């Protein structure tokens, strides 16, 4: 007899801010806002105490300062966050042999066949939550369902420190209670079209045919929404690619259309990917980008260079060219992702440079920065040119 599918989506609660409150007990119970400090700085994430003032991720820092004048504003400390993330992911792998890390603070766990070890899903989820709390001092919210999409929706239902289980037979009832804005595939423009057609709630959409939805919002979007409101995965979470790769992506809490903010986000992803490249001792010539718009149309592109990616500035330049080519200016973006494909162990051979362009110096410097940050747990060293932009990447925290 086949084992029924069971997926956990585990999401660290207000991750960056929670790590800061963990490291600084004096900040606990206070509004902590992690952000950049420059003219274009935006909030990366904030504690639940700050959210009570209306602060949220991707908000301009200046606006956050007006809403929460007593807030504790802190710079992004990615090395420390990655350190805590690795601790958490190690715990996840004690519960499942199939862990798909989606970003620094979330992962899917395939729990099929694990009931004999950890007990029923609810018991296993509570054990996992307790293990994370006992080992790291952090809290997680867990969604449990028969597919990844529904588990992802469920994990955000009772934040923070939540646990939501959606049995297959109750999927449509669960989805019917959700606000339409929380349904994947229903961006702002889609919601406007649906409202015009008299479909303002998830429950109303559940009552209409797929053909009607397609006539209103288009064939692909209509099909995706028809499945999504029923708690079925329209294909948002496919299996891992066969080729070896590393990738990171960010889902914005609020759609972003500011090109400068998107570039900032891309820089943050570049930093993370290159540090992972150094950490794992791999190289790549092929870079990729993924853009998902508010209507859930997704655009992907990749390019292969003659030489391997050297450092984060090199990767950022390559990704920025793809962004410039593929992004439809002014169109709201829900998700932005980047990756390194066809990874190769060690450093790929490359043609020697006739003139010294500084590539080796930049790489050596950045590897030194990475080693120091990894050892000290703080981003105390960074190229001056990168200090401002690095902290400005908005972090998704629908938590």
Protein backbone atom coordinates (compact mmCIF):
# COMPACT_ATOMS: atom_id res chain seq x y z
CA UNK A 1 0.00 0.00 0.00
CA UNK A 2 1.38 3.40 -0.95
CA UNK A 3 2.23 5.91 1.76
CA UNK A 4 0.07 9.04 1.57
CA UNK A 5 2.00 12.26 0.93
CA UNK A 6 2.77 14.42 3.95
CA UNK A 7 4.74 17.66 3.74
CA UNK A 8 5.82 20.09 6.43
CA UNK A 9 6.52 23.70 5.52
CA UNK A 10 8.59 25.14 8.35
CA UNK A 11 9.06 28.89 8.57
CA UNK A 12 11.23 30.69 11.10
CA UNK A 13 9.27 33.49 12.76
CA UNK A 14 10.51 37.03 11.96
CA UNK A 15 13.89 35.41 11.53
CA UNK A 16 16.38 38.29 11.32
CA UNK A 17 14.73 40.21 14.14
CA UNK A 18 14.37 37.07 16.26
CA UNK A 19 18.09 36.34 15.96
CA UNK A 20 18.87 39.89 17.08
CA UNK A 21 16.54 39.52 20.08
CA UNK A 22 18.16 36.19 20.88
CA UNK A 23 21.66 37.68 20.77
CA UNK A 24 20.60 40.83 22.65
CA UNK A 25 18.23 39.94 25.51
CA UNK A 26 17.71 43.64 26.16
CA UNK A 27 15.82 43.86 22.84
CA UNK A 28 13.26 41.19 23.72
CA UNK A 29 9.72 42.49 23.86
CA UNK A 30 10.78 45.65 22.00
CA UNK A 31 10.22 46.75 18.39
CA UNK A 32 13.29 45.58 16.47
CA UNK A 33 13.65 46.63 12.83
CA UNK A 34 16.41 45.18 10.66
CA UNK A 35 17.20 47.41 7.70
CA UNK A 36 19.82 49.20 5.69
CA UNK A 37 20.94 52.71 6.55
CA UNK A 38 21.28 54.47 3.21
CA UNK A 39 19.02 56.85 1.34
CA UNK A 40 17.14 54.00 -0.32
CA UNK A 41 17.17 51.70 2.71
CA UNK A 42 14.18 49.45 3.22
CA UNK A 43 13.09 47.22 6.07
CA UNK A 44 14.42 43.68 5.69
CA UNK A 45 12.34 42.27 8.52
CA UNK A 46 10.95 43.37 11.86
CA UNK A 47 9.80 41.87 15.13
CA UNK A 48 6.15 41.36 15.94
CA UNK A 49 6.37 44.24 18.40
CA UNK A 50 7.29 46.52 15.48
CA UNK A 51 4.48 45.14 13.33
CA UNK A 52 2.01 46.36 15.92
CA UNK A 53 2.99 49.87 14.76
CA UNK A 54 2.30 49.03 11.10
CA UNK A 55 5.91 48.35 10.11
CA UNK A 56 6.46 45.58 7.56
CA UNK A 57 9.18 44.22 5.30
CA UNK A 58 10.06 46.11 2.09
CA UNK A 59 8.83 49.36 3.69
CA UNK A 60 11.15 52.37 3.27
CA UNK A 61 13.14 52.86 6.44
CA UNK A 62 12.10 56.50 6.65
CA UNK A 63 8.46 55.45 6.79
CA UNK A 64 9.23 52.85 9.46
CA UNK A 65 10.95 55.53 11.53
CA UNK A 66 7.82 57.69 11.35
CA UNK A 67 5.52 54.83 12.30
CA UNK A 68 7.74 53.52 15.08
CA UNK A 69 9.95 56.34 16.40
CA UNK A 70 10.98 54.22 19.39
CA UNK A 71 12.06 51.29 17.25
CA UNK A 72 15.48 49.69 17.55
CA UNK A 73 17.00 49.87 14.06
CA UNK A 74 19.76 47.34 13.38
CA UNK A 75 21.87 46.54 10.29
CA UNK A 76 21.53 43.26 8.43
CA UNK A 77 24.01 40.66 9.72
CA UNK A 78 23.83 37.91 7.11
CA UNK A 79 26.76 35.80 8.38
CA UNK A 80 25.06 35.46 11.76
CA UNK A 81 21.69 34.67 10.19
CA UNK A 82 23.28 32.00 7.99
CA UNK A 83 24.95 30.50 11.04
CA UNK A 84 21.61 30.15 12.83
CA UNK A 85 19.96 28.96 9.62
CA UNK A 86 22.48 26.12 9.31
CA UNK A 87 21.72 25.08 12.90
CA UNK A 88 18.02 24.92 12.11
CA UNK A 89 18.48 23.04 8.83
CA UNK A 90 20.58 20.42 10.63
CA UNK A 91 17.64 19.82 12.96
CA UNK A 92 15.28 19.51 9.99
CA UNK A 93 17.51 16.80 8.52
CA UNK A 94 17.18 14.81 11.74
CA UNK A 95 13.45 14.60 11.03
CA UNK A 96 13.51 13.97 7.27
CA UNK A 97 15.96 12.69 4.69
CA UNK A 98 14.33 14.94 2.09
CA UNK A 99 14.65 18.59 3.11
CA UNK A 100 14.24 21.26 0.45
CA UNK A 101 15.56 24.57 1.74
CA UNK A 102 13.70 27.41 0.03
CA UNK A 103 15.56 30.32 1.62
CA UNK A 104 17.57 31.19 4.70
CA UNK A 105 14.49 30.86 6.93
CA UNK A 106 12.17 28.27 5.40
CA UNK A 107 12.16 24.71 4.14
CA UNK A 108 9.92 21.86 3.04
CA UNK A 109 10.25 18.48 4.74
CA UNK A 110 8.91 15.37 3.02
CA UNK A 111 7.60 13.37 5.99
CA UNK A 112 6.31 10.34 4.10
CA UNK A 113 7.09 7.15 6.01
CA UNK A 114 8.35 9.00 9.09
CA UNK A 115 5.29 8.30 11.22
CA UNK A 116 6.80 5.10 12.59
CA UNK A 117 9.72 7.13 13.96
CA UNK A 118 8.17 10.39 15.10
CA UNK A 119 4.50 9.50 15.41
CA UNK A 120 1.51 11.08 13.65
CA UNK A 121 2.06 14.42 11.85
CA UNK A 122 0.88 16.59 14.74
CA UNK A 123 3.15 14.80 17.20
CA UNK A 124 6.10 14.96 14.79
CA UNK A 125 5.55 18.67 14.16
CA UNK A 126 5.46 19.44 17.88
CA UNK A 127 8.66 17.46 18.41
CA UNK A 128 10.32 19.41 15.61
CA UNK A 129 9.17 22.76 17.00
CA UNK A 130 10.48 21.85 20.44
CA UNK A 131 13.81 20.64 19.05
CA UNK A 132 14.33 23.95 17.24
CA UNK A 133 13.41 25.97 20.33
CA UNK A 134 15.60 23.90 22.68
CA UNK A 135 18.62 23.91 20.37
CA UNK A 136 18.54 27.41 18.87
CA UNK A 137 16.22 29.49 21.05
CA UNK A 138 14.12 30.32 17.98
CA UNK A 139 10.49 29.58 17.17
CA UNK A 140 9.08 28.19 13.95
CA UNK A 141 5.63 27.94 12.45
CA UNK A 142 4.71 24.67 10.76
CA UNK A 143 2.13 23.92 8.09
CA UNK A 144 1.23 20.29 7.45
CA UNK A 145 -0.61 19.11 4.33
CA UNK A 146 -0.64 16.59 1.52
CA UNK A 147 1.14 18.95 -0.91
CA UNK A 148 3.78 21.66 -0.59
CA UNK A 149 1.55 24.50 -1.72
CA UNK A 150 -1.08 23.88 0.94
CA UNK A 151 1.59 23.30 3.60
CA UNK A 152 3.11 26.68 2.67
CA UNK A 153 -0.25 28.42 3.03
CA UNK A 154 -0.90 26.65 6.34
CA UNK A 155 2.41 27.66 7.93
CA UNK A 156 1.42 31.32 7.78
CA UNK A 157 -2.00 30.76 9.32
CA UNK A 158 -1.20 30.97 13.05
CA UNK A 159 2.05 32.88 13.31
CA UNK A 160 4.16 33.17 15.36
CA UNK A 161 5.02 29.75 16.83
CA UNK A 162 2.05 28.21 15.03
CA UNK A 163 1.04 24.75 13.91
CA UNK A 164 -1.69 24.24 11.32
CA UNK A 165 -2.65 20.86 9.90
CA UNK A 166 -4.92 20.68 6.86
CA UNK A 167 -6.27 17.18 6.10
CA UNK A 168 -6.97 16.57 2.42
CA UNK A 169 -10.73 16.30 3.04
CA UNK A 170 -10.76 19.77 4.63
CA UNK A 171 -8.60 21.58 2.06
CA UNK A 172 -11.42 23.43 0.27
CA UNK A 173 -13.06 24.47 3.54
CA UNK A 174 -9.70 25.76 4.82
CA UNK A 175 -9.06 27.73 1.64
CA UNK A 176 -12.60 29.17 1.58
CA UNK A 177 -11.91 30.91 4.89
CA UNK A 178 -8.77 32.64 3.60
CA UNK A 179 -8.80 36.25 2.38
CA UNK A 180 -8.32 36.31 -1.37
CA UNK A 181 -5.07 38.29 -0.98
CA UNK A 182 -3.53 35.28 0.79
CA UNK A 183 -4.21 32.91 -2.11
CA UNK A 184 -1.22 32.38 -4.37
CA UNK A 185 -2.09 33.44 -7.90
CA UNK A 186 -4.31 36.31 -6.80
CA UNK A 187 -2.20 39.45 -7.11
CA UNK A 188 -3.63 42.95 -6.93
CA UNK A 189 -4.54 43.22 -10.62
CA UNK A 190 -6.07 39.76 -10.60
CA UNK A 191 -8.12 40.67 -7.53
CA UNK A 192 -9.37 43.81 -9.27
CA UNK A 193 -10.54 41.83 -12.30
CA UNK A 194 -12.22 39.26 -10.09
CA UNK A 195 -13.98 41.92 -8.00
CA UNK A 196 -15.28 43.55 -11.17
CA UNK A 197 -16.75 40.16 -12.10
CA UNK A 198 -18.37 39.81 -8.67
CA UNK A 199 -15.78 37.37 -7.33
CA UNK A 200 -14.39 39.18 -4.30
CA UNK A 201 -13.86 36.22 -1.95
CA UNK A 202 -12.18 32.85 -2.09
CA UNK A 203 -15.50 31.17 -1.30
CA UNK A 204 -17.14 32.83 -4.33
CA UNK A 205 -14.31 31.72 -6.61
CA UNK A 206 -14.68 28.15 -5.36
CA UNK A 207 -18.25 28.20 -6.63
CA UNK A 208 -17.43 29.02 -10.26
CA UNK A 209 -16.02 26.96 -13.10
CA UNK A 210 -12.47 26.91 -14.37
CA UNK A 211 -13.71 28.12 -17.75
CA UNK A 212 -15.24 31.23 -16.20
CA UNK A 213 -12.04 32.06 -14.34
CA UNK A 214 -10.05 31.65 -17.55
CA UNK A 215 -12.39 34.01 -19.37
CA UNK A 216 -11.75 36.66 -16.70
CA UNK A 217 -8.02 36.42 -16.00
CA UNK A 218 -6.61 34.31 -18.83
CA UNK A 219 -6.09 30.63 -19.51
CA UNK A 220 -2.92 29.97 -17.49
CA UNK A 221 -3.81 32.23 -14.56
CA UNK A 222 -7.36 30.89 -14.49
CA UNK A 223 -6.18 27.29 -14.35
CA UNK A 224 -3.67 28.09 -11.59
CA UNK A 225 -6.23 29.95 -9.49
CA UNK A 226 -8.84 27.23 -9.96
CA UNK A 227 -6.41 24.72 -8.43
CA UNK A 228 -5.01 27.09 -5.81
CA UNK A 229 -8.35 27.93 -4.19
CA UNK A 230 -8.93 24.18 -3.81
CA UNK A 231 -5.66 23.71 -1.97
CA UNK A 232 -4.07 21.94 -4.93
CA UNK A 233 -0.56 22.83 -6.06
CA UNK A 234 -0.72 24.49 -9.52
CA UNK A 235 2.98 23.73 -9.96
CA UNK A 236 4.50 26.46 -7.79
CA UNK A 237 6.71 23.93 -5.99
CA UNK A 238 8.24 21.50 -8.46
CA UNK A 239 10.77 18.84 -7.57
CA UNK A 240 14.47 19.60 -7.45
CA UNK A 241 16.22 19.96 -10.80
CA UNK A 242 18.41 17.05 -11.81
CA UNK A 243 21.49 19.20 -12.33
CA UNK A 244 23.50 20.37 -9.34
CA UNK A 245 22.76 23.97 -8.44
CA UNK A 246 22.29 26.46 -5.64
CA UNK A 247 19.61 29.11 -5.62
CA UNK A 248 17.91 31.62 -3.37
CA UNK A 249 14.68 33.49 -3.81
CA UNK A 250 12.62 36.02 -1.92
CA UNK A 251 8.86 36.39 -1.88
CA UNK A 252 7.92 39.96 -1.04
CA UNK A 253 5.24 40.57 1.54
CA UNK A 254 4.14 43.48 -0.67
CA UNK A 255 4.63 43.55 -4.44
CA UNK A 256 7.63 45.60 -5.55
CA UNK A 257 7.78 47.66 -8.74
CA UNK A 258 10.70 49.97 -7.84
CA UNK A 259 13.61 48.93 -10.07
CA UNK A 260 16.18 50.20 -7.58
CA UNK A 261 14.73 48.04 -4.82
CA UNK A 262 14.78 45.02 -7.14
CA UNK A 263 18.45 45.65 -7.91
CA UNK A 264 19.14 45.91 -4.19
CA UNK A 265 17.36 42.62 -3.65
CA UNK A 266 19.45 41.06 -6.41
CA UNK A 267 22.63 42.24 -4.75
CA UNK A 268 21.60 40.60 -1.48
CA UNK A 269 20.94 37.34 -3.33
CA UNK A 270 24.35 37.64 -5.03
CA UNK A 271 26.08 37.96 -1.68
CA UNK A 272 24.33 34.91 -0.30
CA UNK A 273 25.02 32.77 -3.37
CA UNK A 274 28.71 33.62 -3.54
CA UNK A 275 29.19 32.95 0.16
CA UNK A 276 27.48 29.57 -0.33
CA UNK A 277 29.77 28.96 -3.30
CA UNK A 278 32.82 29.65 -1.13
CA UNK A 279 31.43 27.60 1.74
CA UNK A 280 30.78 24.54 -0.44
CA UNK A 281 33.98 24.88 -2.49
CA UNK A 282 32.25 24.95 -5.87
CA UNK A 283 32.30 27.07 -9.02
CA UNK A 284 29.91 27.92 -11.84
CA UNK A 285 29.82 29.72 -15.16
CA UNK A 286 26.04 29.69 -15.49
CA UNK A 287 23.79 32.11 -13.61
CA UNK A 288 20.02 32.27 -13.57
CA UNK A 289 17.28 34.66 -12.56
CA UNK A 290 13.58 34.18 -11.85
CA UNK A 291 10.94 36.92 -11.76
CA UNK A 292 7.39 36.20 -10.65
CA UNK A 293 4.89 39.01 -11.21
CA UNK A 294 1.81 39.83 -9.15
CA UNK A 295 -0.37 37.82 -11.56
CA UNK A 296 1.92 34.81 -11.02
CA UNK A 297 3.35 34.88 -14.51
CA UNK A 298 6.93 33.72 -14.08
CA UNK A 299 9.89 34.67 -16.28
CA UNK A 300 13.20 32.81 -16.04
CA UNK A 301 16.48 33.33 -17.83
CA UNK A 302 20.04 32.12 -17.63
CA UNK A 303 23.38 32.93 -19.18
CA UNK A 304 26.74 31.20 -19.33
CA UNK A 305 29.92 33.21 -19.23
CA UNK A 306 33.35 32.36 -20.59
CA UNK A 307 34.83 32.48 -17.10
CA UNK A 308 33.47 31.23 -13.76
CA UNK A 309 31.78 33.57 -11.32
CA UNK A 310 34.59 35.25 -9.41
CA UNK A 311 32.93 37.20 -6.59
CA UNK A 312 29.64 38.83 -5.59
CA UNK A 313 30.22 41.94 -7.72
CA UNK A 314 30.86 39.73 -10.74
CA UNK A 315 27.70 37.70 -10.05
CA UNK A 316 25.66 40.84 -9.40
CA UNK A 317 26.74 42.33 -12.75
CA UNK A 318 25.68 39.18 -14.61
CA UNK A 319 22.35 38.93 -12.81
CA UNK A 320 21.68 42.64 -13.24
CA UNK A 321 22.04 42.28 -17.01
CA UNK A 322 19.45 39.51 -16.98
CA UNK A 323 17.14 41.61 -14.81
CA UNK A 324 17.47 44.55 -17.20
CA UNK A 325 16.66 42.31 -20.17
CA UNK A 326 13.74 40.42 -18.68
CA UNK A 327 11.99 42.76 -16.24
CA UNK A 328 8.93 44.59 -17.56
CA UNK A 329 9.47 48.04 -16.06
CA UNK A 330 6.80 49.17 -13.64
CA UNK A 331 5.15 45.75 -13.35
CA UNK A 332 4.71 44.61 -9.72
CA UNK A 333 7.02 41.76 -8.71
CA UNK A 334 6.00 39.20 -6.11
CA UNK A 335 9.13 37.03 -6.12
CA UNK A 336 12.73 37.45 -7.23
CA UNK A 337 15.21 34.60 -7.36
CA UNK A 338 18.76 33.93 -8.50
CA UNK A 339 20.91 30.84 -8.87
CA UNK A 340 24.17 29.25 -9.91
CA UNK A 341 23.73 26.26 -12.23
CA UNK A 342 25.88 23.31 -13.30
CA UNK A 343 28.09 23.52 -10.25
CA UNK A 344 31.58 22.13 -10.42
CA UNK A 345 33.70 21.01 -7.45
CA UNK A 346 36.69 23.27 -6.93
CA UNK A 347 37.56 26.30 -9.00
CA UNK A 348 36.86 26.06 -12.72
CA UNK A 349 39.82 26.66 -15.01
CA UNK A 350 39.72 29.97 -16.80
CA UNK A 351 41.78 31.76 -19.39
CA UNK A 352 44.53 33.85 -17.81
CA UNK A 353 44.15 37.61 -17.92
CA UNK A 354 46.54 39.54 -20.11
CA UNK A 355 46.11 42.59 -17.91
CA UNK A 356 45.51 42.64 -14.16
CA UNK A 357 41.82 43.49 -13.80
CA UNK A 358 41.78 42.85 -10.07
CA UNK A 359 39.63 39.71 -10.28
CA UNK A 360 41.96 37.61 -8.14
CA UNK A 361 42.39 40.41 -5.62
CA UNK A 362 38.62 40.87 -5.32
CA UNK A 363 38.10 37.15 -4.90
CA UNK A 364 40.82 36.84 -2.27
CA UNK A 365 39.46 39.83 -0.37
CA UNK A 366 35.90 38.55 -0.45
CA UNK A 367 36.93 35.05 0.66
CA UNK A 368 38.77 36.65 3.57
CA UNK A 369 35.67 38.65 4.46
CA UNK A 370 33.59 35.49 4.24
CA UNK A 371 35.97 33.56 6.50
CA UNK A 372 36.05 36.36 9.08
CA UNK A 373 32.30 36.78 9.08
CA UNK A 374 31.76 33.04 9.37
CA UNK A 375 34.21 32.78 12.26
CA UNK A 376 33.07 35.88 14.16
CA UNK A 377 29.37 35.64 13.43
CA UNK A 378 29.17 39.31 12.58
CA UNK A 379 29.40 41.24 9.31
CA UNK A 380 32.21 43.36 10.69
CA UNK A 381 34.22 43.46 7.45
CA UNK A 382 32.90 44.30 3.99
CA UNK A 383 34.01 46.31 0.97
CA UNK A 384 33.06 49.94 1.60
CA UNK A 385 31.26 50.16 -1.73
CA UNK A 386 28.89 47.40 -0.60
CA UNK A 387 28.07 48.45 2.94
CA UNK A 388 25.03 50.56 2.13
CA UNK A 389 23.40 48.44 -0.53
CA UNK A 390 23.92 45.17 1.33
CA UNK A 391 21.51 45.99 4.08
CA UNK A 392 18.74 47.22 1.85
CA UNK A 393 17.35 43.95 0.55
CA UNK A 394 13.77 43.40 1.66
CA UNK A 395 13.27 40.08 3.34
CA UNK A 396 10.03 38.18 3.04
CA UNK A 397 8.36 37.68 6.35
CA UNK A 398 4.71 36.83 5.99
CA UNK A 399 5.06 35.69 9.55
